[in-house]
Protein backbone atom coordinates (compact mmCIF):
# COMPACT_ATOMS: atom_id res chain seq x y z
CA MET A 1 -172.13 69.69 145.28
CA ILE A 2 -174.61 66.84 144.87
CA THR A 3 -176.40 66.70 148.26
CA HIS A 4 -179.52 64.68 147.26
CA LYS A 5 -180.03 61.27 145.74
CA PRO A 6 -180.60 61.75 141.97
CA GLY A 7 -182.97 59.30 140.43
CA SER A 8 -185.16 58.89 143.43
CA TRP A 9 -188.12 60.79 142.16
CA ASP A 10 -190.66 59.64 139.48
CA PHE A 11 -192.97 61.03 136.81
CA HIS A 12 -196.57 60.48 136.19
CA GLY A 13 -197.69 57.94 133.59
CA GLY A 14 -195.56 56.49 130.87
CA ILE A 15 -195.71 53.04 129.41
CA HIS A 16 -193.70 49.78 129.29
CA ARG A 17 -193.35 48.33 125.81
CA PRO A 18 -190.59 45.98 124.23
CA ASP A 19 -187.61 48.14 123.67
CA LYS A 20 -186.17 46.16 120.80
CA LYS A 21 -182.69 47.48 121.49
CA SER A 22 -180.94 44.25 121.08
CA VAL A 23 -181.53 44.33 117.25
CA SER A 24 -178.89 47.00 116.78
CA ALA A 25 -177.27 47.58 120.12
CA GLY A 26 -173.50 47.74 120.12
CA LYS A 27 -173.22 47.17 116.39
CA PHE A 28 -171.22 49.73 114.56
CA LEU A 29 -171.30 49.14 110.74
CA GLY A 30 -168.81 52.00 109.86
CA LYS A 31 -169.13 55.20 108.04
CA VAL A 32 -171.26 55.50 104.90
CA PRO A 33 -169.19 56.29 101.96
CA LEU A 34 -169.63 59.72 100.29
CA PRO A 35 -171.88 59.52 97.29
CA GLU A 36 -171.63 61.65 94.17
CA ILE A 37 -174.44 63.90 95.24
CA LEU A 38 -175.32 65.41 98.63
CA VAL A 39 -178.65 67.25 99.27
CA LEU A 40 -178.45 69.70 102.18
CA PRO A 41 -181.81 71.17 103.36
CA LEU A 42 -181.51 74.78 104.56
CA GLN A 43 -183.94 74.01 107.40
CA GLN A 44 -182.25 71.31 109.58
CA HIS A 45 -183.17 72.94 113.02
CA ILE A 46 -185.86 74.64 114.97
CA GLY A 47 -185.88 78.32 114.14
CA ALA A 48 -185.19 80.57 111.13
CA MET A 49 -184.18 78.89 107.83
CA ALA A 50 -180.69 79.24 106.80
CA GLU A 51 -179.75 81.27 103.80
CA ALA A 52 -177.30 79.98 101.26
CA ILE A 53 -174.03 82.10 101.04
CA VAL A 54 -172.63 80.12 98.07
CA GLU A 55 -173.45 80.33 94.36
CA VAL A 56 -174.16 77.68 91.74
CA GLY A 57 -170.83 76.51 90.35
CA GLU A 58 -168.72 77.49 93.38
CA ARG A 59 -166.32 74.99 94.73
CA VAL A 60 -166.53 74.49 98.49
CA LEU A 61 -164.27 72.74 101.01
CA LYS A 62 -165.08 70.34 103.76
CA GLY A 63 -166.18 72.23 106.86
CA GLN A 64 -166.86 75.52 104.92
CA THR A 65 -169.96 77.38 106.00
CA ILE A 66 -172.42 77.31 103.02
CA ALA A 67 -175.51 78.74 104.73
CA ARG A 68 -175.91 81.27 107.57
CA VAL A 69 -178.76 82.30 109.76
CA SER A 70 -179.19 85.92 110.66
CA GLU A 71 -181.83 85.28 113.39
CA TYR A 72 -181.02 84.54 116.93
CA ILE A 73 -182.68 81.14 116.88
CA GLY A 74 -180.92 79.21 114.13
CA ALA A 75 -177.83 77.22 113.08
CA PRO A 76 -175.53 77.46 110.07
CA ILE A 77 -174.88 74.54 107.62
CA HIS A 78 -171.45 73.40 106.52
CA ALA A 79 -170.22 71.27 103.64
CA PRO A 80 -169.72 67.70 104.84
CA THR A 81 -166.98 67.29 102.11
CA SER A 82 -165.38 69.06 99.17
CA GLY A 83 -167.13 69.59 95.92
CA THR A 84 -169.05 71.94 93.71
CA VAL A 85 -172.53 73.44 94.19
CA ILE A 86 -174.60 72.30 91.25
CA CYS A 87 -177.95 73.91 92.17
CA ILE A 88 -179.90 75.60 94.95
CA GLU A 89 -183.45 74.50 94.57
CA GLU A 90 -186.56 72.87 96.14
CA ARG A 91 -186.08 69.19 96.86
CA PRO A 92 -188.05 66.57 98.96
CA VAL A 93 -187.07 66.61 102.55
CA PRO A 94 -187.81 64.27 105.45
CA HIS A 95 -190.92 65.86 107.04
CA PRO A 96 -194.38 64.54 107.87
CA SER A 97 -195.94 66.77 105.23
CA GLY A 98 -193.94 65.31 102.43
CA LEU A 99 -193.45 68.71 100.98
CA SER A 100 -190.20 70.06 99.45
CA ALA A 101 -188.00 72.65 100.81
CA PRO A 102 -184.85 74.72 99.67
CA CYS A 103 -181.72 72.67 99.51
CA ILE A 104 -178.10 73.13 98.46
CA VAL A 105 -177.09 70.33 96.07
CA LEU A 106 -173.47 69.51 96.24
CA GLN A 107 -171.56 67.34 93.76
CA THR A 108 -168.68 65.67 95.70
CA ASP A 109 -165.15 65.55 94.20
CA GLY A 110 -163.88 62.58 96.12
CA LYS A 111 -160.89 64.55 97.62
CA ASP A 112 -162.62 65.25 100.86
CA GLU A 113 -160.37 68.36 101.14
CA TRP A 114 -160.76 70.39 104.40
CA GLY A 115 -161.19 74.15 104.24
CA GLU A 116 -159.68 76.51 106.84
CA LEU A 117 -160.98 75.88 110.32
CA PRO A 118 -160.73 77.92 113.59
CA GLU A 119 -158.11 77.18 116.08
CA PRO A 120 -158.87 74.46 118.78
CA LEU A 121 -159.47 75.81 122.25
CA PRO A 122 -157.91 73.42 124.62
CA TYR A 123 -157.62 76.04 127.37
CA PHE A 124 -161.32 76.96 127.02
CA ASP A 125 -161.59 77.55 130.83
CA ASP A 126 -159.52 80.72 130.47
CA MET A 127 -161.95 82.17 127.97
CA ASP A 128 -165.12 84.14 128.23
CA PRO A 129 -168.11 81.74 128.06
CA SER A 130 -169.72 83.94 125.46
CA LEU A 131 -166.81 83.12 122.96
CA LEU A 132 -167.46 79.42 123.54
CA ARG A 133 -171.22 79.88 122.86
CA GLU A 134 -170.22 81.71 119.65
CA ARG A 135 -168.05 78.63 118.67
CA ILE A 136 -170.86 76.36 119.30
CA ARG A 137 -173.22 78.51 117.19
CA TRP A 138 -170.57 78.62 114.46
CA ALA A 139 -170.29 74.73 114.43
CA GLY A 140 -174.02 74.60 113.64
CA ILE A 141 -174.77 72.26 116.71
CA VAL A 142 -178.39 71.53 117.54
CA GLY A 143 -180.00 69.03 119.78
CA LEU A 144 -179.18 65.57 118.33
CA GLY A 145 -181.74 63.75 120.46
CA GLY A 146 -184.32 64.56 117.70
CA ALA A 147 -185.48 68.08 118.68
CA ALA A 148 -182.75 69.90 116.82
CA PHE A 149 -182.97 73.08 118.89
CA PRO A 150 -179.88 75.15 118.54
CA THR A 151 -177.49 74.45 121.32
CA SER A 152 -175.96 77.92 121.46
CA VAL A 153 -179.41 79.34 122.37
CA LYS A 154 -180.09 76.65 125.01
CA VAL A 155 -176.87 77.32 126.90
CA ASN A 156 -177.42 81.14 126.73
CA HIS A 157 -179.58 81.25 129.88
CA GLY A 158 -178.76 84.81 130.89
CA PRO A 159 -177.44 86.27 134.16
CA ASP A 160 -180.90 86.28 135.68
CA ARG A 161 -181.23 82.50 135.54
CA PRO A 162 -178.33 80.84 137.42
CA ILE A 163 -178.01 77.21 136.63
CA GLN A 164 -177.69 74.73 139.39
CA THR A 165 -177.78 71.42 137.42
CA LEU A 166 -176.56 70.37 133.97
CA VAL A 167 -178.54 67.27 132.92
CA ILE A 168 -176.94 65.08 130.31
CA ASN A 169 -179.59 62.95 128.49
CA GLY A 170 -178.44 59.55 127.76
CA ALA A 171 -181.80 57.84 128.51
CA GLU A 172 -182.60 57.06 124.76
CA CYS A 173 -186.00 55.71 125.67
CA GLU A 174 -187.58 55.39 122.22
CA PRO A 175 -187.77 51.66 121.18
CA TYR A 176 -185.23 50.37 118.65
CA ILE A 177 -182.97 53.46 118.74
CA THR A 178 -179.38 52.72 119.95
CA CYS A 179 -177.22 55.33 118.45
CA ASP A 180 -176.71 57.20 121.74
CA ASP A 181 -176.04 53.89 123.53
CA LEU A 182 -173.28 53.04 121.01
CA LEU A 183 -171.75 56.60 121.35
CA MET A 184 -171.58 56.23 125.14
CA ARG A 185 -170.06 52.67 124.89
CA GLU A 186 -167.44 53.57 122.31
CA GLN A 187 -166.77 57.28 122.78
CA ALA A 188 -167.54 58.01 126.44
CA ASP A 189 -164.41 60.21 126.75
CA ARG A 190 -165.53 62.40 123.91
CA VAL A 191 -168.87 62.87 125.71
CA VAL A 192 -167.21 63.76 128.90
CA GLU A 193 -164.98 66.24 127.24
CA GLY A 194 -168.11 68.02 126.00
CA ILE A 195 -169.61 67.92 129.51
CA LYS A 196 -166.61 69.79 130.76
CA VAL A 197 -167.12 72.56 128.20
CA LEU A 198 -170.85 72.78 128.90
CA LEU A 199 -170.34 72.87 132.65
CA TYR A 200 -167.96 75.88 132.14
CA VAL A 201 -170.23 77.62 129.73
CA VAL A 202 -173.43 77.37 131.83
CA ASP A 203 -171.55 77.69 135.22
CA ALA A 204 -173.48 74.77 136.73
CA ASP A 205 -172.92 73.47 140.26
CA GLU A 206 -173.45 69.79 139.34
CA CYS A 207 -173.95 67.52 136.39
CA LEU A 208 -176.28 64.41 136.32
CA ILE A 209 -175.97 61.98 133.42
CA GLY A 210 -179.23 60.00 133.14
CA ILE A 211 -179.13 56.61 131.43
CA GLU A 212 -181.78 53.95 131.42
CA ASP A 213 -181.01 50.63 133.17
CA ASN A 214 -181.29 48.64 129.96
CA LYS A 215 -177.93 50.05 128.91
CA PRO A 216 -175.45 48.57 131.42
CA GLU A 217 -172.50 48.73 129.05
CA ALA A 218 -173.04 52.47 128.44
CA ILE A 219 -173.50 53.17 132.15
CA ALA A 220 -170.19 51.39 132.96
CA ALA A 221 -168.31 53.23 130.14
CA MET A 222 -169.69 56.63 131.25
CA ARG A 223 -168.73 55.96 134.93
CA LYS A 224 -165.28 55.02 133.96
CA ALA A 225 -164.80 58.12 131.81
CA VAL A 226 -166.16 60.43 134.38
CA ALA A 227 -163.83 58.81 137.05
CA GLU A 228 -160.80 59.16 134.90
CA SER A 229 -161.70 62.77 133.89
CA GLY A 230 -161.22 64.07 137.52
CA LEU A 231 -164.52 65.95 137.21
CA LYS A 232 -166.21 66.66 140.48
CA ASP A 233 -169.94 66.86 141.22
CA VAL A 234 -170.59 64.77 138.07
CA GLN A 235 -172.61 61.63 138.54
CA VAL A 236 -173.95 58.91 136.24
CA VAL A 237 -177.38 57.98 137.41
CA GLN A 238 -179.11 54.74 136.37
CA VAL A 239 -182.83 55.43 135.90
CA PRO A 240 -185.69 52.97 135.32
CA THR A 241 -186.59 52.03 131.74
CA ARG A 242 -189.93 53.49 131.06
CA TYR A 243 -191.02 55.46 128.04
CA PRO A 244 -190.69 58.43 127.72
CA MET A 245 -188.00 58.74 130.39
CA GLY A 246 -185.88 60.58 127.76
CA GLY A 247 -188.38 63.42 127.57
CA GLU A 248 -186.57 66.47 128.90
CA LYS A 249 -189.20 67.39 131.54
CA GLN A 250 -189.56 63.85 132.57
CA LEU A 251 -185.80 63.19 133.00
CA ILE A 252 -185.36 66.42 134.94
CA LYS A 253 -188.10 65.41 137.38
CA VAL A 254 -186.65 61.97 137.94
CA LEU A 255 -183.09 63.25 138.46
CA THR A 256 -183.74 66.47 140.34
CA GLY A 257 -187.28 66.27 141.75
CA LYS A 258 -187.94 69.60 140.05
CA GLU A 259 -190.87 70.24 137.67
CA VAL A 260 -190.53 72.56 134.66
CA PRO A 261 -193.60 74.90 134.77
CA SER A 262 -196.34 74.76 132.19
CA HIS A 263 -195.27 76.66 129.05
CA GLY A 264 -191.94 77.12 130.75
CA ILE A 265 -188.30 75.90 130.05
CA PRO A 266 -185.79 74.18 132.24
CA SER A 267 -183.64 77.10 132.78
CA GLU A 268 -186.44 78.79 134.74
CA ILE A 269 -185.92 76.21 137.54
CA GLY A 270 -181.96 76.31 137.28
CA VAL A 271 -181.64 73.25 134.86
CA ILE A 272 -180.25 72.89 131.34
CA CYS A 273 -180.60 69.55 129.63
CA VAL A 274 -178.40 68.33 126.74
CA ASN A 275 -178.31 65.13 124.82
CA VAL A 276 -175.05 62.97 124.93
CA ALA A 277 -174.52 63.24 121.16
CA THR A 278 -174.80 67.09 121.47
CA ALA A 279 -172.13 67.10 124.09
CA ALA A 280 -169.87 65.03 121.85
CA ALA A 281 -170.38 67.47 119.01
CA VAL A 282 -169.40 70.34 121.49
CA THR A 283 -166.14 68.55 122.01
CA ASP A 284 -165.50 68.49 118.29
CA ALA A 285 -166.27 72.24 117.92
CA VAL A 286 -164.19 73.46 120.90
CA MET A 287 -161.28 71.04 121.15
CA ALA A 288 -160.79 70.45 117.46
CA GLY A 289 -162.44 73.38 115.76
CA ARG A 290 -164.65 71.18 113.57
CA PRO A 291 -168.30 71.96 112.77
CA LEU A 292 -171.12 69.35 112.83
CA LEU A 293 -170.98 67.39 109.54
CA SER A 294 -172.31 63.95 110.41
CA ARG A 295 -173.92 61.85 112.95
CA LEU A 296 -174.58 58.35 114.18
CA VAL A 297 -177.80 56.83 112.76
CA THR A 298 -179.48 53.64 113.86
CA VAL A 299 -180.67 51.52 110.99
CA THR A 300 -182.90 48.86 112.39
CA GLY A 301 -186.10 46.79 112.12
CA GLU A 302 -187.03 43.36 110.60
CA GLY A 303 -187.13 45.06 107.26
CA VAL A 304 -183.33 45.53 106.94
CA ASN A 305 -180.74 42.75 106.46
CA ASN A 306 -177.96 43.89 108.78
CA PRO A 307 -179.27 46.24 111.49
CA GLY A 308 -176.80 48.48 113.27
CA ASN A 309 -175.47 52.00 113.62
CA LEU A 310 -173.59 54.02 111.05
CA GLU A 311 -171.72 57.34 110.89
CA VAL A 312 -173.66 59.31 108.19
CA PRO A 313 -172.48 62.56 106.61
CA PHE A 314 -175.41 64.98 106.32
CA GLY A 315 -177.01 64.98 102.89
CA VAL A 316 -176.61 61.34 102.12
CA PHE A 317 -179.79 59.70 100.85
CA MET A 318 -181.50 57.37 103.24
CA SER A 319 -181.43 54.67 100.39
CA ASP A 320 -177.57 54.68 100.56
CA VAL A 321 -177.65 54.30 104.30
CA ILE A 322 -180.02 51.43 104.16
CA ALA A 323 -177.87 49.81 101.37
CA GLN A 324 -174.91 50.12 103.71
CA ALA A 325 -176.90 48.18 106.32
CA GLY A 326 -177.46 45.25 104.05
CA GLY A 327 -180.42 46.62 102.13
CA TYR A 328 -184.00 45.80 102.51
CA SER A 329 -185.15 42.37 103.55
CA GLU A 330 -188.32 40.63 102.13
CA ARG A 331 -190.08 41.66 105.36
CA ALA A 332 -189.77 45.35 104.69
CA TYR A 333 -193.03 47.03 104.88
CA LYS A 334 -192.77 50.58 106.21
CA LEU A 335 -189.87 53.16 106.40
CA ILE A 336 -190.05 55.28 109.58
CA LEU A 337 -187.82 58.23 110.49
CA GLY A 338 -187.30 58.01 114.21
CA GLY A 339 -188.78 55.39 116.56
CA PRO A 340 -192.22 53.77 116.44
CA MET A 341 -193.66 56.13 118.99
CA MET A 342 -192.57 59.61 117.92
CA GLY A 343 -191.35 58.94 114.45
CA PHE A 344 -193.30 59.35 111.18
CA SER A 345 -193.57 57.27 108.03
CA LEU A 346 -191.77 58.22 104.91
CA GLY A 347 -193.19 57.66 101.32
CA ASP A 348 -189.70 57.55 99.76
CA ASP A 349 -186.12 56.71 100.69
CA GLU A 350 -184.52 59.17 98.34
CA LEU A 351 -184.53 61.71 101.08
CA PRO A 352 -181.37 63.32 102.71
CA VAL A 353 -180.22 62.47 106.26
CA THR A 354 -180.28 65.70 108.36
CA LYS A 355 -179.08 66.76 111.76
CA GLY A 356 -182.33 65.47 113.38
CA SER A 357 -182.23 62.02 111.75
CA ASN A 358 -181.29 59.64 114.52
CA CYS A 359 -182.91 56.45 113.26
CA LEU A 360 -184.31 54.78 110.14
CA LEU A 361 -186.69 52.01 111.28
CA VAL A 362 -187.40 49.64 108.39
CA ALA A 363 -190.36 47.91 109.98
CA SER A 364 -192.15 44.78 108.92
CA ARG A 365 -195.85 44.56 108.81
CA ALA A 366 -195.91 43.01 112.28
CA GLU A 367 -193.74 45.77 113.69
CA ALA A 368 -195.74 48.54 112.20
CA PRO A 369 -199.20 47.24 111.39
CA ASP A 370 -201.73 49.48 109.71
CA PRO A 371 -203.87 51.31 112.39
CA ASP A 372 -207.16 49.72 113.35
CA LYS A 373 -210.37 51.52 112.63
CA ALA A 374 -210.99 54.06 115.25
CA MET A 375 -213.96 53.35 117.55
CA PRO A 376 -215.95 55.73 119.85
CA CYS A 377 -214.13 56.78 123.02
CA ILE A 378 -215.49 54.62 125.96
CA ARG A 379 -214.05 57.03 128.60
CA CYS A 380 -211.87 54.43 130.26
CA GLY A 381 -209.31 56.95 131.53
CA LYS A 382 -206.28 54.96 130.34
CA CYS A 383 -204.96 57.79 128.24
CA MET A 384 -205.03 60.09 131.33
CA ASP A 385 -203.19 57.40 133.45
CA ALA A 386 -200.56 57.15 130.66
CA CYS A 387 -199.96 60.78 130.07
CA PRO A 388 -196.47 61.83 131.38
CA ALA A 389 -197.41 65.54 131.15
CA GLN A 390 -200.52 64.94 133.41
CA LEU A 391 -202.88 66.27 130.87
CA LEU A 392 -206.48 65.16 130.22
CA PRO A 393 -206.13 63.57 126.72
CA GLN A 394 -209.75 62.63 126.48
CA GLN A 395 -210.85 66.34 126.93
CA LEU A 396 -208.18 67.55 124.47
CA TYR A 397 -209.48 65.00 121.92
CA TRP A 398 -213.10 66.18 122.23
CA TYR A 399 -212.24 69.85 121.82
CA ALA A 400 -209.66 69.18 118.96
CA LYS A 401 -212.37 67.16 117.19
CA ALA A 402 -214.93 70.00 117.69
CA ARG A 403 -212.27 72.62 116.50
CA ASP A 404 -212.65 74.53 119.74
CA PHE A 405 -209.12 75.51 119.90
CA ASP A 406 -209.61 78.05 122.68
CA LYS A 407 -210.62 75.08 124.95
CA THR A 408 -207.65 73.05 123.93
CA GLN A 409 -205.39 75.85 125.13
CA GLU A 410 -207.23 76.03 128.40
CA TYR A 411 -206.42 72.38 128.82
CA ASN A 412 -202.70 73.06 128.16
CA LEU A 413 -202.50 71.62 124.64
CA PHE A 414 -199.02 72.90 124.22
CA ASP A 415 -197.71 70.92 127.33
CA CYS A 416 -198.22 67.81 125.12
CA ILE A 417 -194.97 66.41 124.14
CA GLU A 418 -196.51 64.08 121.52
CA CYS A 419 -194.94 61.07 123.03
CA GLY A 420 -197.83 58.76 121.83
CA CYS A 421 -198.47 57.06 125.19
CA CYS A 422 -202.18 58.01 125.00
CA SER A 423 -202.58 56.52 121.47
CA TRP A 424 -200.68 53.40 122.50
CA VAL A 425 -203.00 52.61 125.36
CA CYS A 426 -206.25 53.58 123.79
CA PRO A 427 -208.53 50.53 123.49
CA SER A 428 -210.65 52.39 120.86
CA HIS A 429 -207.50 52.86 118.65
CA ILE A 430 -208.15 56.67 118.43
CA PRO A 431 -205.12 58.39 116.91
CA LEU A 432 -205.15 60.86 119.75
CA VAL A 433 -201.67 62.50 118.95
CA GLN A 434 -202.85 63.29 115.46
CA TYR A 435 -205.69 65.32 116.85
CA TYR A 436 -203.25 67.18 119.06
CA ARG A 437 -200.90 67.85 116.23
CA PHE A 438 -203.83 69.12 114.19
CA ALA A 439 -204.99 71.40 117.03
CA LYS A 440 -201.61 72.88 117.46
CA THR A 441 -201.15 73.50 113.72
CA GLU A 442 -204.55 75.19 113.57
CA THR A 443 -203.77 77.23 116.62
CA TRP A 444 -200.49 78.40 115.23
CA ALA A 445 -202.14 79.34 111.95
CA MET A 446 -204.87 81.30 113.90
CA GLU A 447 -202.33 83.07 115.99
CA LYS A 448 -200.37 84.01 112.83
CA GLU A 449 -203.57 85.40 111.25
CA LYS A 450 -204.33 87.21 114.43
CA ARG A 451 -200.80 88.72 114.52
CA GLN A 452 -201.08 89.69 110.81
CA ALA A 453 -204.52 91.31 111.33
CA GLU A 454 -203.15 93.19 114.41
CA ASP A 455 -200.25 94.39 112.38
CA ALA A 456 -202.60 95.47 109.62
CA ARG A 457 -204.71 97.32 112.13
CA ARG A 458 -201.74 99.04 113.65
CA ARG A 459 -200.58 100.14 110.15
CA HIS A 460 -203.89 101.42 109.30
CA GLU A 461 -204.17 103.37 112.59
CA ALA A 462 -200.82 104.82 111.99
CA ARG A 463 -201.69 105.86 108.54
CA VAL A 464 -204.87 107.52 109.72
CA GLU A 465 -203.02 109.27 112.57
CA ARG A 466 -200.43 110.46 110.14
CA LEU A 467 -202.84 111.81 107.67
CA GLU A 468 -204.80 113.63 110.42
CA ARG A 469 -201.67 114.98 111.80
CA LEU A 470 -200.59 116.41 108.37
CA GLU A 471 -204.07 117.90 107.92
CA ARG A 472 -203.75 119.54 111.36
CA GLU A 473 -200.44 120.84 110.47
CA ARG A 474 -201.72 122.25 107.21
CA LYS A 475 -204.57 123.87 108.92
CA ALA A 476 -202.33 125.30 111.50
CA ARG A 477 -200.05 126.88 108.91
CA LEU A 478 -203.02 128.35 107.16
CA ARG A 479 -204.39 129.72 110.46
CA GLN A 480 -200.98 131.30 111.30
CA LYS A 481 -200.77 132.84 107.92
CA LYS A 482 -204.32 134.32 108.15
CA GLU A 483 -203.56 135.65 111.64
CA ALA A 484 -200.42 137.31 110.47
CA LEU A 485 -202.43 138.91 107.59
CA GLU A 486 -204.99 140.22 109.96
CA LYS A 487 -202.49 141.65 112.30
CA LYS A 488 -200.75 143.50 109.48
CA THR A 489 -204.10 144.97 108.16
CA ALA A 490 -205.18 145.98 111.63
CA ALA A 491 -201.76 147.81 111.99
CA GLY A 492 -202.71 150.05 108.95
CA GLY A 493 -200.53 148.32 106.43
CA ALA A 494 -201.67 147.47 102.93
CA ASN A 495 -203.52 144.09 102.65
CA PRO A 496 -200.97 141.95 100.73
CA ARG A 497 -203.70 139.97 99.18
CA LYS A 498 -205.58 142.93 97.94
CA ALA A 499 -202.38 144.47 96.62
CA ALA A 500 -201.52 141.30 94.82
CA VAL A 501 -205.06 141.35 93.18
CA GLU A 502 -204.61 144.88 92.13
CA ALA A 503 -201.24 144.34 90.69
CA ALA A 504 -202.41 141.47 88.79
CA MET A 505 -205.33 143.45 87.33
CA LYS A 506 -202.98 146.28 86.47
CA ARG A 507 -200.77 143.88 84.63
CA VAL A 508 -203.68 142.52 82.68
CA ALA A 509 -204.84 146.05 81.77
CA GLU A 510 -201.46 147.04 80.58
CA LYS A 511 -201.17 143.86 78.44
CA LYS A 512 -204.52 144.63 76.87
CA ALA A 513 -203.37 148.14 76.15
CA ARG A 514 -200.21 147.03 74.47
CA GLN A 515 -202.25 144.60 72.36
CA ALA A 516 -204.68 147.28 71.34
CA GLN A 517 -201.81 149.77 70.41
CA ALA A 518 -200.22 147.02 68.43
CA GLU A 519 -203.33 146.39 66.41
CA LYS A 520 -203.86 150.14 65.76
CA ASN A 521 -200.24 150.35 64.51
CA THR A 522 -200.90 147.43 62.16
CA GLU A 523 -203.93 149.09 60.73
CA GLU A 524 -202.38 152.49 60.08
CA SER A 525 -199.31 150.91 58.35
CA SER A 526 -201.63 149.10 56.03
């Protein structure tokens, strides 16, 4: 039962900047037609890379699993349509590094023929929750707010962590992005059905749906859907528009007053947070037996002719998505995957849409100007005031710049959510977030080297111990043999070793005698 007033708390810092939502809000441009070729990266989620289970030349059907993950943290990949696998190779993928990664390349056949799907589970509340988690895992569902963390892992909180509150994240705080807004406006019932399933799976006492107050239509639609669903202890909460309200820890703080501990996760404080689009995907998996094959993507910015939201099958090239939104305008300057705060620039649009692709921002020069030259830090403290994680960005910057990664960890580097607020307010135009990402990457690399060195040390010590053990065992056997021999000699018995030597000498003497006799016989006969 909801006994407090959700949304009455606040989080530290944050910024107010033009949200630019009106450019694409409420505009649905339809579904992107299937192209001749789909490129499906094997890494579309946080966790272990999926492994292809199809072969080149194999025909696959829509919804068929084409890549599986054997590790716990991971998500399978399914064919968005029917067609033939023409190759499995390295292809460019949407990533800040610009590097290539293994992909399954599918040539579509235009038939869009479905494969065999599992049975829908309309009476899911009579089932064991573990079976529903397995269905969610089978469907390849990940966090569709951008993080792409496997949902089946997130909702498997364990018996030692009872969940009081299920938080549904409809804040969508990043400027320009409106795909979640459109989903809540047009498909609120689908989102609420997913909430029903999630409430049962995590066994939560209440559900709070947080939506920023710049989305009045979405708030109204969700309240109506919740009222008609008959769900109890579910409340749509209007929260202030402030970036990064949609951050998991920030939204939980505003809605519940609870703080996720440093280096911790929400389930440690009895909370699980799920994006609205993820909840809708859960509905498809459980109520219809359909895997995650597509998603809503916002295409926006002054550099595109007809901004809006499109339903995009995974594997479609971004160039085709932009073409469906009217193509590039003469003001197009920079292509950004995600929003202007946490997104990253792409050098090419011949890249596939993946599960984590929620927005293509085609920005003009005015919307995404080149960064100003960084000036020395003036220690104004604005970054500290803006940091929603209550860190000390200035100190983190100094230590990251000096490559003192032990110090960056002392100052809780990994609590940084890379929201970009510090960079946004910095009067010296220092790209602070880039320093933090660099420090994190270097720290991960050092930790990996440390683990490898530790593994090598353990293997070496195990080998030395094994050789020493074998040597001890050999010496022990020799000692036991010697002791047995000495006991037998002391008891008056013949010395086996001496007897063996005498027997060998006797055999040699007999052999020489035979040879001498043979030579004598030869001489006499001649």
